[in-house]
Protein backbone atom coordinates (compact mmCIF):
# COMPACT_ATOMS: atom_id res chain seq x y z
CA MET A 1 -13.39 7.03 21.60
CA PRO A 2 -10.08 8.56 20.77
CA ASP A 3 -9.54 11.63 18.71
CA HIS A 4 -6.45 10.62 16.34
CA PRO A 5 -7.26 9.69 12.27
CA VAL A 6 -8.43 6.16 11.73
CA LYS A 7 -5.85 4.73 8.89
CA ILE A 8 -8.25 2.53 6.48
CA TRP A 9 -6.45 0.38 3.37
CA TYR A 10 -8.75 -0.35 0.77
CA VAL A 11 -8.04 -1.72 -1.94
CA ALA A 12 -10.36 -1.78 -4.81
CA GLY A 13 -11.38 -4.23 -7.50
CA GLN A 14 -9.80 -2.06 -10.53
CA ARG A 15 -7.63 -4.40 -12.55
CA LEU A 16 -6.62 -2.32 -15.53
CA CYS A 17 -2.69 -2.38 -15.64
CA ASN A 18 -0.56 -0.66 -18.67
CA LEU A 19 2.86 -3.07 -18.09
CA LYS A 20 3.37 -6.38 -17.43
CA CYS A 21 5.57 -7.11 -14.68
CA PRO A 22 6.41 -10.80 -14.13
CA TYR A 23 7.26 -10.19 -10.10
CA CYS A 24 3.52 -8.48 -9.75
CA VAL A 25 1.77 -10.00 -6.72
CA SER A 26 -1.97 -9.57 -8.26
CA THR A 27 -1.89 -13.07 -9.39
CA GLY A 28 -5.42 -15.46 -9.32
CA ASP A 29 -8.27 -13.90 -8.66
CA TRP A 30 -6.60 -10.88 -8.07
CA ALA A 31 -5.52 -11.16 -10.95
CA LYS A 32 -4.49 -7.28 -12.99
CA SER A 33 -5.49 -6.59 -16.03
CA ASN A 34 -4.07 -5.23 -19.76
CA ARG A 35 -7.74 -5.39 -21.36
CA TYR A 36 -10.72 -4.62 -18.56
CA ASP A 37 -10.67 -1.75 -16.06
CA TRP A 38 -13.25 -3.74 -14.25
CA LYS A 39 -13.94 -7.06 -14.05
CA SER A 40 -17.19 -6.88 -13.35
CA PRO A 41 -19.76 -4.47 -12.80
CA ILE A 42 -20.45 -5.08 -9.04
CA ASP A 43 -16.72 -4.45 -8.75
CA ARG A 44 -17.03 -0.81 -9.50
CA ASP A 45 -20.07 -0.14 -7.59
CA THR A 46 -18.83 -1.85 -4.53
CA PHE A 47 -15.40 0.96 -4.97
CA ALA A 48 -18.15 3.70 -5.35
CA THR A 49 -20.16 2.68 -2.23
CA VAL A 50 -16.76 2.69 -0.38
CA VAL A 51 -15.34 5.54 -1.55
CA GLU A 52 -18.36 7.00 -0.33
CA TRP A 53 -18.66 5.38 3.09
CA ILE A 54 -14.71 6.15 3.46
CA ALA A 55 -15.91 10.23 4.03
CA SER A 56 -18.82 9.63 5.23
CA ARG A 57 -17.25 8.42 8.38
CA PRO A 58 -16.96 10.60 11.87
CA ARG A 59 -13.46 10.64 12.79
CA LEU A 60 -11.04 12.16 11.07
CA VAL A 61 -9.78 9.59 8.22
CA GLU A 62 -6.20 8.50 6.08
CA VAL A 63 -6.66 6.74 3.42
CA ARG A 64 -4.32 4.23 0.90
CA LEU A 65 -6.45 3.67 -2.12
CA GLY A 66 -5.07 0.85 -3.65
CA SER A 67 -5.99 -1.88 -6.34
CA LEU A 68 -5.31 -4.17 -8.07
CA GLY A 69 -3.79 -2.69 -11.53
CA GLU A 70 -2.59 0.41 -12.06
CA PRO A 71 -4.83 3.67 -10.93
CA PHE A 72 -3.65 6.30 -13.54
CA ALA A 73 -4.80 4.01 -16.43
CA SER A 74 -8.92 4.33 -14.86
CA PRO A 75 -10.98 7.21 -15.43
CA PHE A 76 -13.45 6.09 -13.00
CA PHE A 77 -11.00 5.24 -10.14
CA LEU A 78 -9.55 8.34 -10.68
CA GLU A 79 -12.69 10.41 -10.64
CA LYS A 80 -13.59 8.64 -6.90
CA ALA A 81 -10.64 9.31 -5.53
CA ALA A 82 -10.57 12.52 -6.56
CA TRP A 83 -14.10 13.17 -5.01
CA LEU A 84 -12.87 11.23 -2.16
CA THR A 85 -9.40 14.45 -1.52
CA GLN A 86 -11.59 16.68 -1.46
CA GLN A 87 -13.98 15.80 2.00
CA PRO A 88 -12.93 17.52 4.92
CA SER A 89 -13.01 14.35 6.74
CA VAL A 90 -10.30 13.33 4.51
CA ARG A 91 -6.82 13.96 5.69
CA TYR A 92 -5.05 12.38 2.41
CA VAL A 93 -5.95 9.75 -0.01
CA GLU A 94 -2.26 7.94 -1.03
CA LEU A 95 -2.60 6.17 -4.38
CA LEU A 96 -0.22 3.02 -4.81
CA SER A 97 1.07 3.20 -9.15
CA ASN A 98 3.50 3.07 -11.27
CA GLY A 99 4.25 6.47 -11.85
CA SER A 100 4.10 6.11 -15.90
CA LEU A 101 0.80 7.88 -16.55
CA ILE A 102 1.92 10.64 -14.16
CA ARG A 103 2.63 13.31 -16.44
CA GLN A 104 -0.56 12.91 -18.78
CA ARG A 105 -2.74 12.45 -16.06
CA LEU A 106 -2.40 14.97 -13.07
CA PRO A 107 -3.12 17.81 -15.34
CA LYS A 108 -6.64 16.49 -16.18
CA LEU A 109 -7.54 15.75 -12.05
CA GLU A 110 -6.37 19.11 -10.57
CA PRO A 111 -9.61 20.92 -11.56
CA LEU A 112 -11.65 17.83 -9.92
CA ALA A 113 -9.25 16.99 -6.96
CA ASN A 114 -7.24 19.37 -3.94
CA LEU A 115 -3.89 17.82 -4.72
CA GLY A 116 -2.65 18.97 -1.99
CA LYS A 117 -3.81 15.54 -0.01
CA LEU A 118 -2.71 12.96 -2.76
CA SER A 119 0.16 11.38 -1.76
CA LEU A 120 2.14 9.09 -4.05
CA TRP A 121 3.24 5.46 -3.79
CA LEU A 122 5.52 5.20 -6.76
CA THR A 123 6.95 1.50 -7.36
CA TRP A 124 9.81 1.66 -10.26
CA HIS A 125 10.69 -1.94 -11.61
CA GLU A 126 14.30 -2.14 -13.88
CA GLY A 127 13.09 -3.40 -17.14
CA GLN A 128 9.62 -1.94 -17.12
CA LEU A 129 9.88 1.99 -17.43
CA PRO A 130 13.30 4.32 -18.07
CA LEU A 131 14.08 5.62 -14.85
CA GLU A 132 14.60 8.83 -16.48
CA LYS A 133 10.59 8.85 -17.16
CA PHE A 134 9.76 7.62 -14.34
CA LEU A 135 11.91 10.40 -12.41
CA GLU A 136 9.85 13.19 -14.43
CA GLY A 137 6.86 12.20 -13.73
CA ALA A 138 7.25 12.39 -9.99
CA VAL A 139 9.62 15.05 -9.55
CA PHE A 140 6.47 16.87 -11.72
CA ALA A 141 3.90 15.55 -9.11
CA GLN A 142 6.26 16.94 -6.04
CA GLU A 143 7.12 20.30 -7.76
CA GLU A 144 4.41 22.01 -10.03
CA TYR A 145 0.86 20.38 -7.81
CA GLY A 146 2.65 19.75 -4.21
CA CYS A 147 2.26 15.67 -3.66
CA PHE A 148 4.01 13.84 -1.10
CA VAL A 149 6.00 11.07 -3.68
CA VAL A 150 7.72 8.29 -2.63
CA VAL A 151 9.89 6.31 -5.05
CA ASN A 152 9.97 2.83 -3.99
CA THR A 153 12.17 0.06 -5.40
CA LEU A 154 11.91 -4.18 -4.56
CA LEU A 155 14.80 -5.54 -3.58
CA PHE A 156 14.20 -9.73 -4.99
CA ASP A 157 18.26 -10.34 -5.68
CA SER A 158 20.33 -9.47 -2.74
CA HIS A 159 23.73 -9.70 -4.85
CA ASP A 160 21.93 -7.89 -7.83
CA THR A 161 21.48 -4.16 -6.47
CA SER A 162 22.79 -1.92 -9.05
CA GLY A 163 19.51 -0.67 -10.29
CA ILE A 164 18.09 0.12 -6.99
CA GLN A 165 21.28 1.77 -6.03
CA ARG A 166 21.11 3.94 -9.27
CA ALA A 167 17.25 4.42 -8.48
CA ARG A 168 18.49 5.87 -5.38
CA ASP A 169 20.95 8.54 -6.31
CA ALA A 170 19.02 9.57 -8.83
CA ALA A 171 16.02 9.94 -6.57
CA ARG A 172 18.19 11.49 -4.39
CA ALA A 173 19.74 13.78 -6.46
CA ALA A 174 15.74 15.17 -7.95
CA GLY A 175 14.88 15.83 -3.96
CA LEU A 176 12.72 12.38 -4.72
CA ARG A 177 11.78 10.84 -1.01
CA PHE A 178 13.33 7.14 -1.87
CA ASN A 179 12.42 3.86 -0.36
CA VAL A 180 13.84 -0.27 -0.74
CA ASP A 181 10.78 -2.29 0.58
CA LEU A 182 11.05 -6.80 -0.18
CA GLY A 183 10.27 -7.74 -3.09
CA TYR A 184 7.85 -11.31 -3.36
CA ASP A 185 7.05 -14.08 -4.54
CA PRO A 186 4.06 -13.22 -6.40
CA ALA A 187 2.74 -17.06 -5.29
CA ALA A 188 3.36 -16.11 -1.61
CA PRO A 189 1.50 -12.78 -0.15
CA SER A 190 -2.28 -14.54 -1.07
CA GLU A 191 -0.98 -17.87 -0.07
CA PRO A 192 -4.67 -18.53 2.63
CA SER A 193 -3.21 -20.77 5.23
CA ASP A 194 -1.43 -19.96 8.11
CA ARG A 195 0.79 -23.29 8.49
CA THR A 196 4.40 -22.06 10.12
CA GLY A 197 6.57 -20.93 7.04
CA GLU A 198 10.56 -20.57 6.56
CA PRO A 199 10.65 -16.54 5.70
CA SER A 200 13.06 -17.29 2.78
CA ARG A 201 10.02 -18.82 0.20
CA THR A 202 8.48 -15.51 0.48
CA VAL A 203 11.41 -13.27 0.36
CA PRO A 204 13.32 -14.20 -2.55
CA ALA A 205 16.31 -11.69 -1.63
CA MET A 206 17.06 -13.99 1.78
CA ARG A 207 17.98 -16.90 -0.09
CA ASN A 208 20.99 -15.72 -0.66
CA ALA A 209 22.52 -12.98 1.75
CA ASP A 210 22.10 -11.17 4.83
CA VAL A 211 18.71 -9.43 3.93
CA VAL A 212 19.12 -6.77 6.23
CA ALA A 213 22.31 -5.78 5.18
CA ALA A 214 21.76 -5.30 1.49
CA VAL A 215 18.17 -3.28 2.34
CA ASN A 216 20.42 -1.07 4.27
CA ASP A 217 24.07 -0.84 1.41
CA CYS A 218 21.14 0.11 -1.03
CA GLY A 219 20.18 3.05 0.78
CA GLY A 220 17.28 1.13 2.96
CA ASP A 221 16.18 1.55 6.98
CA ALA A 222 16.99 -1.89 8.42
CA ALA A 223 15.07 -1.55 11.33
CA LEU A 224 12.24 -1.26 8.44
CA THR A 225 13.49 -4.55 6.67
CA GLN A 226 13.43 -6.44 10.70
CA ALA A 227 10.11 -5.40 11.52
CA ALA A 228 9.33 -6.74 7.63
CA LEU A 229 10.86 -10.02 8.90
CA ALA A 230 9.45 -10.06 12.16
CA GLY A 231 5.76 -9.96 10.41
CA ILE A 232 6.21 -12.61 7.74
CA SER A 233 7.88 -15.70 9.63
CA SER A 234 6.36 -14.56 13.54
CA PRO A 235 3.78 -12.12 14.32
CA LEU A 236 1.90 -14.62 16.31
CA GLY A 237 0.87 -13.02 19.89
CA ARG A 238 2.34 -9.88 18.85
CA PRO A 239 1.15 -6.32 20.30
CA CYS A 240 -0.44 -4.42 17.14
CA ARG A 241 -2.50 -1.89 16.87
CA ALA A 242 -5.10 -3.09 13.84
CA GLY A 243 -8.10 -3.42 14.20
CA HIS A 244 -8.27 0.11 17.25
CA ASP A 245 -7.49 2.99 14.79
CA TYR A 246 -6.46 0.68 10.97
CA LEU A 247 -8.12 -1.14 9.32
CA PHE A 248 -8.60 -3.64 5.79
CA ILE A 249 -11.08 -3.72 3.02
CA ASP A 250 -11.24 -5.23 0.43
CA ILE A 251 -12.05 -5.88 -2.68
CA HIS A 252 -15.66 -6.98 -1.83
CA GLY A 253 -16.37 -4.13 0.73
CA GLN A 254 -15.61 -6.73 3.40
CA VAL A 255 -13.80 -4.93 6.40
CA HIS A 256 -10.81 -6.66 8.46
CA ARG A 257 -8.60 -5.32 10.95
CA CYS A 258 -5.44 -6.08 8.44
CA SER A 259 -4.99 -7.74 5.11
CA ARG A 260 -3.90 -10.90 7.19
CA TYR A 261 -6.42 -11.83 8.38
CA ALA A 262 -8.98 -11.03 5.45
CA ALA A 263 -6.73 -13.81 3.53
CA LEU A 264 -7.91 -15.94 6.63
CA ASP A 265 -11.28 -14.98 6.42
CA ARG A 266 -11.15 -14.54 10.82
CA ALA A 267 -12.55 -12.38 12.67
CA PRO A 268 -14.65 -10.38 9.91
CA LEU A 269 -15.88 -6.70 11.27
CA GLY A 270 -18.43 -6.86 8.89
CA SER A 271 -19.06 -4.99 5.10
CA VAL A 272 -19.62 -1.79 4.45
CA LEU A 273 -22.11 -2.62 2.20
CA ASP A 274 -24.52 -3.98 4.43
CA PRO A 275 -27.23 -0.83 4.88
CA GLY A 276 -26.62 0.91 8.59
CA PHE A 277 -23.09 -0.54 9.37
CA GLU A 278 -21.44 0.64 12.10
CA LEU A 279 -17.73 0.05 12.70
CA PRO A 280 -16.72 -1.69 15.69
CA LEU A 281 -13.02 -0.17 15.87
CA ARG A 282 -11.33 -2.24 19.36
CA PRO A 283 -11.01 0.56 22.21
CA GLU A 284 -8.01 -0.55 23.25
CA PRO A 285 -4.99 0.10 21.40
CA TRP A 286 -3.07 -3.21 21.21
CA ALA A 287 -4.46 -6.77 21.45
CA PRO A 288 -1.96 -9.71 20.00
CA CYS A 289 -1.83 -10.96 17.03
CA GLU A 290 -3.83 -14.89 15.74
CA ALA A 291 -2.00 -14.98 12.81
CA ALA A 292 1.21 -17.89 13.25
CA ASN A 293 2.67 -15.65 10.14
CA GLY A 294 2.27 -14.33 6.96
CA CYS A 295 2.23 -10.56 8.05
CA CYS A 296 3.83 -9.06 4.56
CA ASN A 297 2.05 -5.65 3.63
CA LYS A 298 3.95 -2.80 5.16
CA GLU A 299 0.27 -1.22 6.14
CA ASP A 300 -0.25 -4.16 8.33
CA PHE A 301 3.01 -4.89 9.25
CA LEU A 302 3.89 -1.21 10.47
CA ASN A 303 0.89 -1.25 13.04
CA LEU A 304 2.89 -3.57 15.39
CA GLN A 305 4.04 -2.30 18.74
CA LEU A 306 7.57 -3.39 17.64
CA ALA A 307 7.20 -0.98 15.18
CA ASP A 308 5.81 1.76 16.18
CA PRO A 309 8.81 3.62 16.58
CA LEU A 310 9.25 3.38 13.11
CA ARG A 311 5.48 5.75 12.02
CA PRO A 312 5.82 9.23 12.47
CA ARG A 313 3.01 11.13 13.24
CA ASP A 314 1.95 13.60 10.80
CA VAL A 315 3.29 12.03 7.29
CA PRO A 316 0.29 11.87 4.73
CA SER A 317 1.22 7.72 4.04
CA LEU A 318 0.36 4.45 5.41
CA GLY A 319 3.88 3.64 4.18
CA TRP A 320 6.86 6.54 4.66
CA THR A 321 8.87 6.14 7.27
CA ASN A 322 11.43 8.35 7.55
CA SER A 323 14.29 5.79 5.75
């Protein structure tokens, strides 16, 4: 069995969010909430069980701990994430956040966590949070607590990039890492069908311009964007590491090689909630993808062989590519 870490992307059922972004992909059965933290006590219990299971892995693990809402709005979520950073088998814990509560929450988290193992993927949206306040929290996390911080933006309209460029310039001036991802139609990423589709149906920015050139002009990585487009439109048959040293866990504790397989309910690997569950990782590094399209999450498509040169081996993030 290889001795390199296993990358785990876990999306928990935590739903509370303090913002109301109209383009949020947490919709339908995966909807966030401005009122409740956990839709059911079962979701909270499942989260605790999965976190404990992750910490018990015999191999080193690298964890991107996602949720349906805003993790810094949930005391219980933060408590468990903090505990996870203290476990010797965990190399890092990466949280995805809107960055609005960083300054209030990190000082309270410090006694509970090893904040040097905390990574923050902070996404800024024009009109939701003042850029100055957002960057203040990002700098605070990086400089005061040594967190690995990425300022992320989303491109929805290739003809309107002024906000992204402003965020790019401000982030770089503040000494922060900066990334540009494609923004998706909220109805598209979670759609369970596997029919061949037009990528522009998922990626609004493709409808009116060269999206690769637009991302590049915004300071993003053209090669990363090309890998994303390949995953969205044509992953079928492409060699992928998912299932070998990377896996996805959904809000119910079900394990799949990736989130696209989870959406299609294809080849599940089992449930963390089953007593005695043993993770059946594939010994071979590469296997052909069996999904026709829809590999739209960076955590997943960066495991495609075509994206292998983009992923650094020693960076505490499942999404950062030095772009």
